[in-house]
Amino acid sequence: MTYSYDPSKIGERGLDRMRFELGDVFVEEPEKSAYLSDDEIVAVLESSASWKRAKLRLRREKNYLPSTE
């Protein structure tokens, strides 16, 4: 599995912005700190009807994610 985060890309709707909004940005040691893999995030983004639905799905799948509201 891949875990990546580029803060310079949070202006674009995609993997990095979703990680930012979910607070899942600590990917240096993914087995200790990252909640979601790149593959999981991308799959949900591609299969969701909207950004908000994708974010909700990801938060529900990992119910321990920090609140971003």
N, C-alpha and C. Protein backbone atom coordinates (compact mmCIF):
# COMPACT_ATOMS: atom_id res chain seq x y z
N MET A 1 0.84 -1.18 0.00
CA MET A 1 0.00 0.00 0.00
C MET A 1 0.89 1.24 0.00
N THR A 2 0.37 2.29 -0.59
CA THR A 2 1.09 3.54 -0.69
C THR A 2 0.42 4.59 0.19
N TYR A 3 1.24 5.39 0.84
CA TYR A 3 0.77 6.49 1.68
C TYR A 3 1.58 7.72 1.30
N SER A 4 0.90 8.73 0.76
CA SER A 4 1.60 9.94 0.35
C SER A 4 0.77 11.17 0.70
N TYR A 5 1.47 12.29 0.82
CA TYR A 5 0.80 13.57 1.09
C TYR A 5 1.70 14.69 0.61
N ASP A 6 1.15 15.57 -0.22
CA ASP A 6 1.88 16.73 -0.72
C ASP A 6 1.05 17.97 -0.40
N PRO A 7 1.43 18.71 0.65
CA PRO A 7 0.63 19.87 1.05
C PRO A 7 0.51 20.95 -0.01
N SER A 8 1.39 20.96 -0.99
CA SER A 8 1.30 21.98 -2.05
C SER A 8 0.13 21.70 -2.99
N LYS A 9 -0.49 20.53 -2.87
CA LYS A 9 -1.60 20.17 -3.77
C LYS A 9 -2.98 20.24 -3.10
N ILE A 10 -3.08 20.83 -1.91
CA ILE A 10 -4.39 20.84 -1.25
C ILE A 10 -5.39 21.78 -1.91
N GLY A 11 -4.94 22.60 -2.84
CA GLY A 11 -5.84 23.47 -3.58
C GLY A 11 -6.62 22.72 -4.66
N GLU A 12 -6.17 21.52 -4.98
CA GLU A 12 -6.82 20.70 -6.01
C GLU A 12 -7.67 19.63 -5.33
N ARG A 13 -8.82 19.35 -5.89
CA ARG A 13 -9.64 18.27 -5.33
C ARG A 13 -9.03 16.94 -5.72
N GLY A 14 -8.53 16.25 -4.74
CA GLY A 14 -7.90 14.96 -4.99
C GLY A 14 -7.38 14.38 -3.69
N LEU A 15 -6.50 13.42 -3.82
CA LEU A 15 -5.95 12.67 -2.70
C LEU A 15 -5.41 13.58 -1.59
N ASP A 16 -4.56 14.53 -1.95
CA ASP A 16 -3.91 15.35 -0.94
C ASP A 16 -4.89 16.27 -0.20
N ARG A 17 -5.82 16.82 -0.92
CA ARG A 17 -6.83 17.67 -0.25
C ARG A 17 -7.69 16.84 0.68
N MET A 18 -8.08 15.63 0.24
CA MET A 18 -8.90 14.78 1.10
C MET A 18 -8.12 14.41 2.36
N ARG A 19 -6.86 14.04 2.21
CA ARG A 19 -6.04 13.76 3.40
C ARG A 19 -6.02 14.96 4.34
N PHE A 20 -5.84 16.16 3.79
CA PHE A 20 -5.81 17.39 4.58
C PHE A 20 -7.14 17.58 5.32
N GLU A 21 -8.25 17.46 4.61
CA GLU A 21 -9.55 17.67 5.23
C GLU A 21 -9.87 16.63 6.30
N LEU A 22 -9.37 15.42 6.12
CA LEU A 22 -9.60 14.36 7.11
C LEU A 22 -8.60 14.41 8.26
N GLY A 23 -7.54 15.17 8.09
CA GLY A 23 -6.51 15.23 9.12
C GLY A 23 -5.58 14.03 9.09
N ASP A 24 -5.54 13.33 7.99
CA ASP A 24 -4.73 12.11 7.85
C ASP A 24 -3.46 12.44 7.06
N VAL A 25 -2.64 13.32 7.61
CA VAL A 25 -1.50 13.84 6.86
C VAL A 25 -0.15 13.31 7.32
N PHE A 26 -0.11 12.51 8.35
CA PHE A 26 1.15 11.98 8.87
C PHE A 26 1.43 10.64 8.22
N VAL A 27 2.14 10.66 7.10
CA VAL A 27 2.33 9.45 6.30
C VAL A 27 3.77 8.94 6.31
N GLU A 28 4.63 9.57 7.09
CA GLU A 28 6.04 9.15 7.12
C GLU A 28 6.18 7.71 7.63
N GLU A 29 5.41 7.36 8.64
CA GLU A 29 5.40 6.00 9.18
C GLU A 29 3.95 5.50 9.15
N PRO A 30 3.45 5.13 7.97
CA PRO A 30 2.02 4.83 7.81
C PRO A 30 1.48 3.76 8.74
N GLU A 31 2.29 2.76 9.06
CA GLU A 31 1.79 1.71 9.93
C GLU A 31 1.51 2.22 11.34
N LYS A 32 2.08 3.38 11.69
CA LYS A 32 1.88 3.96 13.02
C LYS A 32 0.92 5.14 13.02
N SER A 33 0.80 5.84 11.88
CA SER A 33 0.07 7.10 11.94
C SER A 33 -1.00 7.31 10.87
N ALA A 34 -0.84 6.79 9.68
CA ALA A 34 -1.83 7.03 8.62
C ALA A 34 -3.03 6.10 8.78
N TYR A 35 -4.21 6.65 8.61
CA TYR A 35 -5.43 5.85 8.73
C TYR A 35 -5.80 5.18 7.41
N LEU A 36 -5.61 5.89 6.31
CA LEU A 36 -6.07 5.43 5.01
C LEU A 36 -4.93 5.38 4.00
N SER A 37 -4.95 4.37 3.15
CA SER A 37 -3.95 4.30 2.08
C SER A 37 -4.40 5.17 0.91
N ASP A 38 -3.45 5.49 0.04
CA ASP A 38 -3.79 6.25 -1.17
C ASP A 38 -4.84 5.51 -1.98
N ASP A 39 -4.69 4.19 -2.08
CA ASP A 39 -5.64 3.38 -2.86
C ASP A 39 -7.05 3.49 -2.31
N GLU A 40 -7.20 3.46 -1.00
CA GLU A 40 -8.53 3.56 -0.39
C GLU A 40 -9.16 4.91 -0.68
N ILE A 41 -8.40 5.97 -0.53
CA ILE A 41 -8.93 7.31 -0.78
C ILE A 41 -9.31 7.49 -2.24
N VAL A 42 -8.44 7.10 -3.14
CA VAL A 42 -8.71 7.26 -4.57
C VAL A 42 -9.93 6.43 -4.99
N ALA A 43 -10.05 5.22 -4.50
CA ALA A 43 -11.20 4.38 -4.85
C ALA A 43 -12.51 5.01 -4.42
N VAL A 44 -12.53 5.57 -3.21
CA VAL A 44 -13.76 6.21 -2.72
C VAL A 44 -14.04 7.49 -3.51
N LEU A 45 -13.02 8.27 -3.81
CA LEU A 45 -13.23 9.49 -4.60
C LEU A 45 -13.81 9.15 -5.98
N GLU A 46 -13.29 8.11 -6.60
CA GLU A 46 -13.75 7.74 -7.94
C GLU A 46 -15.15 7.14 -7.95
N SER A 47 -15.57 6.55 -6.86
CA SER A 47 -16.87 5.88 -6.85
C SER A 47 -17.98 6.67 -6.14
N SER A 48 -17.66 7.87 -5.68
CA SER A 48 -18.66 8.67 -4.97
C SER A 48 -19.25 9.74 -5.88
N ALA A 49 -20.50 10.06 -5.64
CA ALA A 49 -21.21 11.04 -6.46
C ALA A 49 -20.74 12.48 -6.21
N SER A 50 -20.19 12.73 -5.02
CA SER A 50 -19.74 14.09 -4.71
C SER A 50 -18.58 14.04 -3.72
N TRP A 51 -17.94 15.18 -3.57
CA TRP A 51 -16.83 15.31 -2.64
C TRP A 51 -17.30 15.04 -1.21
N LYS A 52 -18.44 15.65 -0.85
CA LYS A 52 -18.96 15.48 0.51
C LYS A 52 -19.31 14.03 0.81
N ARG A 53 -19.88 13.34 -0.15
CA ARG A 53 -20.21 11.93 0.07
C ARG A 53 -18.94 11.08 0.24
N ALA A 54 -17.93 11.39 -0.55
CA ALA A 54 -16.67 10.66 -0.44
C ALA A 54 -16.06 10.88 0.94
N LYS A 55 -16.06 12.12 1.39
CA LYS A 55 -15.49 12.44 2.70
C LYS A 55 -16.26 11.73 3.82
N LEU A 56 -17.57 11.75 3.73
CA LEU A 56 -18.40 11.07 4.72
C LEU A 56 -18.13 9.57 4.73
N ARG A 57 -18.04 8.98 3.55
CA ARG A 57 -17.74 7.54 3.45
C ARG A 57 -16.41 7.19 4.09
N LEU A 58 -15.40 7.99 3.81
CA LEU A 58 -14.08 7.73 4.37
C LEU A 58 -14.09 7.88 5.89
N ARG A 59 -14.80 8.87 6.39
CA ARG A 59 -14.89 9.06 7.83
C ARG A 59 -15.66 7.92 8.49
N ARG A 60 -16.68 7.42 7.82
CA ARG A 60 -17.45 6.31 8.38
C ARG A 60 -16.65 5.02 8.38
N GLU A 61 -15.89 4.79 7.30
CA GLU A 61 -15.09 3.57 7.21
C GLU A 61 -14.04 3.52 8.30
N LYS A 62 -13.50 4.64 8.63
CA LYS A 62 -12.49 4.73 9.69
C LYS A 62 -13.08 5.62 10.78
N ASN A 63 -14.02 5.10 11.54
CA ASN A 63 -14.79 5.91 12.48
C ASN A 63 -13.95 6.60 13.54
N TYR A 64 -12.67 6.37 13.57
CA TYR A 64 -11.81 7.02 14.54
C TYR A 64 -11.07 8.22 13.97
N LEU A 65 -11.41 8.63 12.75
CA LEU A 65 -10.77 9.82 12.18
C LEU A 65 -11.17 11.07 12.96
N PRO A 66 -10.30 12.03 13.09
CA PRO A 66 -10.64 13.26 13.81
C PRO A 66 -11.70 14.05 13.08
N SER A 67 -12.51 14.74 13.83
CA SER A 67 -13.56 15.57 13.24
C SER A 67 -12.93 16.77 12.55
N THR A 68 -13.45 17.11 11.37
CA THR A 68 -12.94 18.26 10.63
C THR A 68 -13.99 19.34 10.47
N GLU A 69 -15.05 19.23 11.22
CA GLU A 69 -16.13 20.20 11.09
C GLU A 69 -15.94 21.40 11.98
